N, C-alpha and C. Protein backbone atom coordinates (compact mmCIF):
# COMPACT_ATOMS: atom_id res chain seq x y z
N MET A 1 31.57 -5.56 -1.90
CA MET A 1 30.42 -6.20 -2.50
C MET A 1 29.15 -5.72 -1.80
N SER A 2 28.15 -5.46 -2.57
CA SER A 2 26.89 -4.97 -2.03
C SER A 2 26.16 -6.08 -1.28
N GLU A 3 25.55 -5.72 -0.16
CA GLU A 3 24.78 -6.69 0.62
C GLU A 3 23.46 -7.02 -0.07
N ILE A 4 23.00 -6.16 -0.95
CA ILE A 4 21.71 -6.38 -1.61
C ILE A 4 21.81 -7.43 -2.70
N ASP A 5 22.83 -7.36 -3.53
CA ASP A 5 22.98 -8.26 -4.68
C ASP A 5 24.25 -9.08 -4.54
N LYS A 6 24.27 -9.97 -3.58
CA LYS A 6 25.48 -10.74 -3.29
C LYS A 6 25.90 -11.66 -4.44
N ARG A 7 24.93 -12.18 -5.19
CA ARG A 7 25.24 -13.11 -6.26
C ARG A 7 25.36 -12.43 -7.63
N ASN A 8 25.34 -11.10 -7.65
CA ASN A 8 25.49 -10.32 -8.88
C ASN A 8 24.48 -10.69 -9.96
N ARG A 9 23.27 -10.98 -9.57
CA ARG A 9 22.22 -11.30 -10.53
C ARG A 9 21.77 -10.07 -11.32
N LEU A 10 21.82 -8.91 -10.69
CA LEU A 10 21.36 -7.69 -11.37
C LEU A 10 22.33 -7.22 -12.44
N SER A 11 23.58 -7.65 -12.37
CA SER A 11 24.55 -7.27 -13.40
C SER A 11 24.23 -7.96 -14.73
N GLU A 12 23.44 -9.03 -14.70
CA GLU A 12 23.01 -9.72 -15.92
C GLU A 12 21.87 -8.98 -16.61
N GLU A 13 21.34 -7.94 -15.98
CA GLU A 13 20.22 -7.13 -16.47
C GLU A 13 19.00 -7.99 -16.83
N PRO A 14 18.41 -8.69 -15.85
CA PRO A 14 17.25 -9.52 -16.15
C PRO A 14 15.96 -8.71 -16.35
N PHE A 15 15.92 -7.49 -15.82
CA PHE A 15 14.72 -6.68 -15.91
C PHE A 15 14.82 -5.67 -17.05
N ALA A 16 13.67 -5.41 -17.67
CA ALA A 16 13.56 -4.36 -18.68
C ALA A 16 12.24 -3.65 -18.42
N TYR A 17 12.11 -2.46 -18.97
CA TYR A 17 10.86 -1.72 -18.78
C TYR A 17 10.52 -0.95 -20.03
N GLN A 18 9.24 -0.62 -20.14
CA GLN A 18 8.75 0.17 -21.25
C GLN A 18 7.77 1.18 -20.68
N ILE A 19 7.92 2.43 -21.06
CA ILE A 19 7.01 3.48 -20.62
C ILE A 19 6.08 3.78 -21.79
N THR A 20 4.78 3.62 -21.57
CA THR A 20 3.81 3.86 -22.63
C THR A 20 3.48 5.34 -22.74
N LYS A 21 2.71 5.69 -23.76
CA LYS A 21 2.34 7.09 -23.98
C LYS A 21 1.51 7.66 -22.84
N ASN A 22 0.67 6.82 -22.23
CA ASN A 22 -0.19 7.32 -21.16
C ASN A 22 0.46 7.25 -19.78
N GLY A 23 1.76 6.97 -19.70
CA GLY A 23 2.48 7.01 -18.44
C GLY A 23 2.48 5.71 -17.66
N THR A 24 2.03 4.64 -18.26
CA THR A 24 2.07 3.32 -17.62
C THR A 24 3.45 2.70 -17.84
N VAL A 25 3.94 2.01 -16.83
CA VAL A 25 5.24 1.34 -16.94
C VAL A 25 4.99 -0.17 -16.97
N ILE A 26 5.51 -0.82 -18.01
CA ILE A 26 5.41 -2.27 -18.14
C ILE A 26 6.78 -2.84 -17.82
N ILE A 27 6.83 -3.78 -16.88
CA ILE A 27 8.11 -4.35 -16.45
C ILE A 27 8.20 -5.79 -16.95
N PHE A 28 9.36 -6.12 -17.51
CA PHE A 28 9.62 -7.45 -18.06
C PHE A 28 10.76 -8.10 -17.29
N TYR A 29 10.68 -9.42 -17.16
CA TYR A 29 11.75 -10.20 -16.56
C TYR A 29 12.14 -11.27 -17.56
N ARG A 30 13.35 -11.17 -18.06
CA ARG A 30 13.87 -12.09 -19.09
C ARG A 30 12.92 -12.19 -20.28
N GLY A 31 12.38 -11.04 -20.69
CA GLY A 31 11.54 -10.98 -21.88
C GLY A 31 10.07 -11.24 -21.65
N LYS A 32 9.67 -11.63 -20.45
CA LYS A 32 8.26 -11.90 -20.16
C LYS A 32 7.70 -10.78 -19.30
N GLN A 33 6.51 -10.32 -19.67
CA GLN A 33 5.86 -9.26 -18.91
C GLN A 33 5.43 -9.80 -17.55
N ILE A 34 5.80 -9.09 -16.48
CA ILE A 34 5.46 -9.57 -15.15
C ILE A 34 4.65 -8.58 -14.33
N LYS A 35 4.70 -7.29 -14.70
CA LYS A 35 3.98 -6.31 -13.90
C LYS A 35 3.68 -5.07 -14.72
N ILE A 36 2.51 -4.47 -14.44
CA ILE A 36 2.14 -3.19 -15.02
C ILE A 36 1.92 -2.22 -13.88
N VAL A 37 2.59 -1.08 -13.94
CA VAL A 37 2.50 -0.06 -12.90
C VAL A 37 1.79 1.14 -13.50
N LYS A 38 0.76 1.63 -12.80
CA LYS A 38 -0.06 2.73 -13.33
C LYS A 38 -0.15 3.87 -12.33
N ASP A 39 -0.70 4.97 -12.80
CA ASP A 39 -1.08 6.14 -12.01
C ASP A 39 0.08 6.73 -11.21
N LYS A 40 -0.17 7.06 -9.95
CA LYS A 40 0.83 7.74 -9.10
C LYS A 40 2.07 6.89 -8.90
N GLU A 41 1.88 5.60 -8.74
CA GLU A 41 3.02 4.70 -8.53
C GLU A 41 3.93 4.72 -9.76
N ALA A 42 3.35 4.76 -10.96
CA ALA A 42 4.13 4.82 -12.19
C ALA A 42 4.88 6.14 -12.29
N GLU A 43 4.24 7.23 -11.91
CA GLU A 43 4.91 8.54 -11.95
C GLU A 43 6.13 8.56 -11.03
N ARG A 44 5.97 8.00 -9.83
CA ARG A 44 7.10 7.94 -8.89
C ARG A 44 8.22 7.06 -9.43
N LEU A 45 7.85 5.92 -10.03
CA LEU A 45 8.85 5.00 -10.58
C LEU A 45 9.61 5.65 -11.73
N ILE A 46 8.91 6.33 -12.62
CA ILE A 46 9.55 6.99 -13.75
C ILE A 46 10.53 8.05 -13.25
N ALA A 47 10.13 8.82 -12.26
CA ALA A 47 11.01 9.85 -11.71
C ALA A 47 12.26 9.22 -11.09
N ARG A 48 12.09 8.13 -10.38
CA ARG A 48 13.23 7.47 -9.75
C ARG A 48 14.16 6.85 -10.79
N ILE A 49 13.58 6.28 -11.86
CA ILE A 49 14.40 5.69 -12.93
C ILE A 49 15.19 6.78 -13.63
N ARG A 50 14.55 7.89 -13.93
CA ARG A 50 15.24 8.98 -14.63
C ARG A 50 16.36 9.56 -13.78
N ALA A 51 16.21 9.52 -12.46
CA ALA A 51 17.24 10.05 -11.57
C ALA A 51 18.51 9.20 -11.59
N VAL A 52 18.37 7.90 -11.84
CA VAL A 52 19.54 6.99 -11.80
C VAL A 52 19.77 6.26 -13.12
N GLU A 53 19.23 6.77 -14.23
CA GLU A 53 19.29 6.00 -15.47
C GLU A 53 20.70 5.79 -16.01
N ASP A 54 21.70 6.55 -15.55
CA ASP A 54 23.06 6.32 -15.98
C ASP A 54 23.71 5.14 -15.26
N ASN A 55 23.12 4.67 -14.17
CA ASN A 55 23.63 3.53 -13.41
C ASN A 55 22.70 2.33 -13.62
N VAL A 56 23.11 1.39 -14.46
CA VAL A 56 22.28 0.26 -14.84
C VAL A 56 21.90 -0.60 -13.63
N THR A 57 22.83 -0.80 -12.72
CA THR A 57 22.55 -1.63 -11.55
C THR A 57 21.48 -1.01 -10.67
N GLU A 58 21.50 0.30 -10.51
CA GLU A 58 20.48 0.98 -9.72
C GLU A 58 19.09 0.86 -10.36
N VAL A 59 19.03 0.96 -11.69
CA VAL A 59 17.76 0.80 -12.39
C VAL A 59 17.25 -0.62 -12.18
N GLN A 60 18.14 -1.60 -12.31
CA GLN A 60 17.74 -3.00 -12.10
C GLN A 60 17.24 -3.21 -10.67
N LEU A 61 17.88 -2.58 -9.71
CA LEU A 61 17.46 -2.70 -8.32
C LEU A 61 16.07 -2.09 -8.11
N LEU A 62 15.81 -0.94 -8.72
CA LEU A 62 14.49 -0.31 -8.62
C LEU A 62 13.41 -1.22 -9.19
N LEU A 63 13.69 -1.81 -10.36
CA LEU A 63 12.71 -2.70 -10.98
C LEU A 63 12.50 -3.97 -10.16
N ALA A 64 13.57 -4.48 -9.57
CA ALA A 64 13.44 -5.67 -8.72
C ALA A 64 12.60 -5.37 -7.49
N LYS A 65 12.82 -4.20 -6.90
CA LYS A 65 12.06 -3.84 -5.70
C LYS A 65 10.59 -3.61 -6.01
N ILE A 66 10.27 -3.00 -7.14
CA ILE A 66 8.88 -2.71 -7.45
C ILE A 66 8.12 -4.00 -7.79
N THR A 67 8.80 -5.00 -8.34
CA THR A 67 8.12 -6.26 -8.66
C THR A 67 7.94 -7.13 -7.43
N GLY A 68 8.77 -6.92 -6.43
CA GLY A 68 8.64 -7.72 -5.21
C GLY A 68 9.11 -9.14 -5.42
N ASN A 69 8.55 -10.03 -4.67
CA ASN A 69 8.94 -11.44 -4.69
C ASN A 69 7.98 -12.19 -5.61
N PHE A 70 8.03 -11.87 -6.90
CA PHE A 70 7.04 -12.40 -7.83
C PHE A 70 7.24 -13.87 -8.19
N LYS A 71 8.41 -14.40 -8.02
CA LYS A 71 8.67 -15.78 -8.42
C LYS A 71 8.38 -16.78 -7.30
N ARG A 72 7.19 -16.71 -6.77
CA ARG A 72 6.82 -17.64 -5.71
C ARG A 72 5.38 -18.08 -5.88
N GLY A 73 5.16 -19.08 -6.71
CA GLY A 73 3.81 -19.63 -6.78
C GLY A 73 3.22 -19.68 -8.17
N ASN A 74 2.80 -18.56 -8.71
CA ASN A 74 2.02 -18.60 -9.93
C ASN A 74 2.82 -18.95 -11.17
N GLU A 75 4.14 -18.89 -11.15
CA GLU A 75 4.90 -19.23 -12.34
C GLU A 75 4.94 -20.73 -12.60
N LYS A 76 4.52 -21.53 -11.64
CA LYS A 76 4.55 -22.98 -11.82
C LYS A 76 3.28 -23.52 -12.47
N PHE A 77 2.26 -22.68 -12.61
CA PHE A 77 1.04 -23.13 -13.26
C PHE A 77 1.26 -23.16 -14.76
N GLY A 78 0.57 -24.04 -15.41
CA GLY A 78 0.72 -24.20 -16.83
C GLY A 78 0.55 -25.66 -17.18
N LYS A 79 1.50 -26.19 -17.92
CA LYS A 79 1.42 -27.59 -18.35
C LYS A 79 1.36 -28.55 -17.17
N ASN A 80 2.12 -28.27 -16.15
CA ASN A 80 2.25 -29.19 -15.02
C ASN A 80 1.25 -28.91 -13.90
N LYS A 81 0.17 -28.21 -14.20
CA LYS A 81 -0.80 -27.86 -13.18
C LYS A 81 -1.51 -29.12 -12.66
N ARG A 82 -1.51 -29.26 -11.36
CA ARG A 82 -2.17 -30.43 -10.74
C ARG A 82 -3.57 -30.05 -10.34
N LYS A 83 -4.47 -30.98 -10.49
CA LYS A 83 -5.87 -30.73 -10.16
C LYS A 83 -6.21 -31.21 -8.79
């Protein structure tokens, strides 16, 4: 078992991506857009994705790493926002 994904969350394929015509990468988590990667960083990400695109878990790991720890804070704002 991999030390990185002990709970096998990446096997559920929660991340998706879209590469636009101008080379921007849009990353989605469970259907919601969470990050836009542009310029040099997008070029590096596209190259890394293309290198491992036959391995779904590796692609999911790349997308998880590029998004970082995004689920800490701003996702709780909305209806339940306290003043």
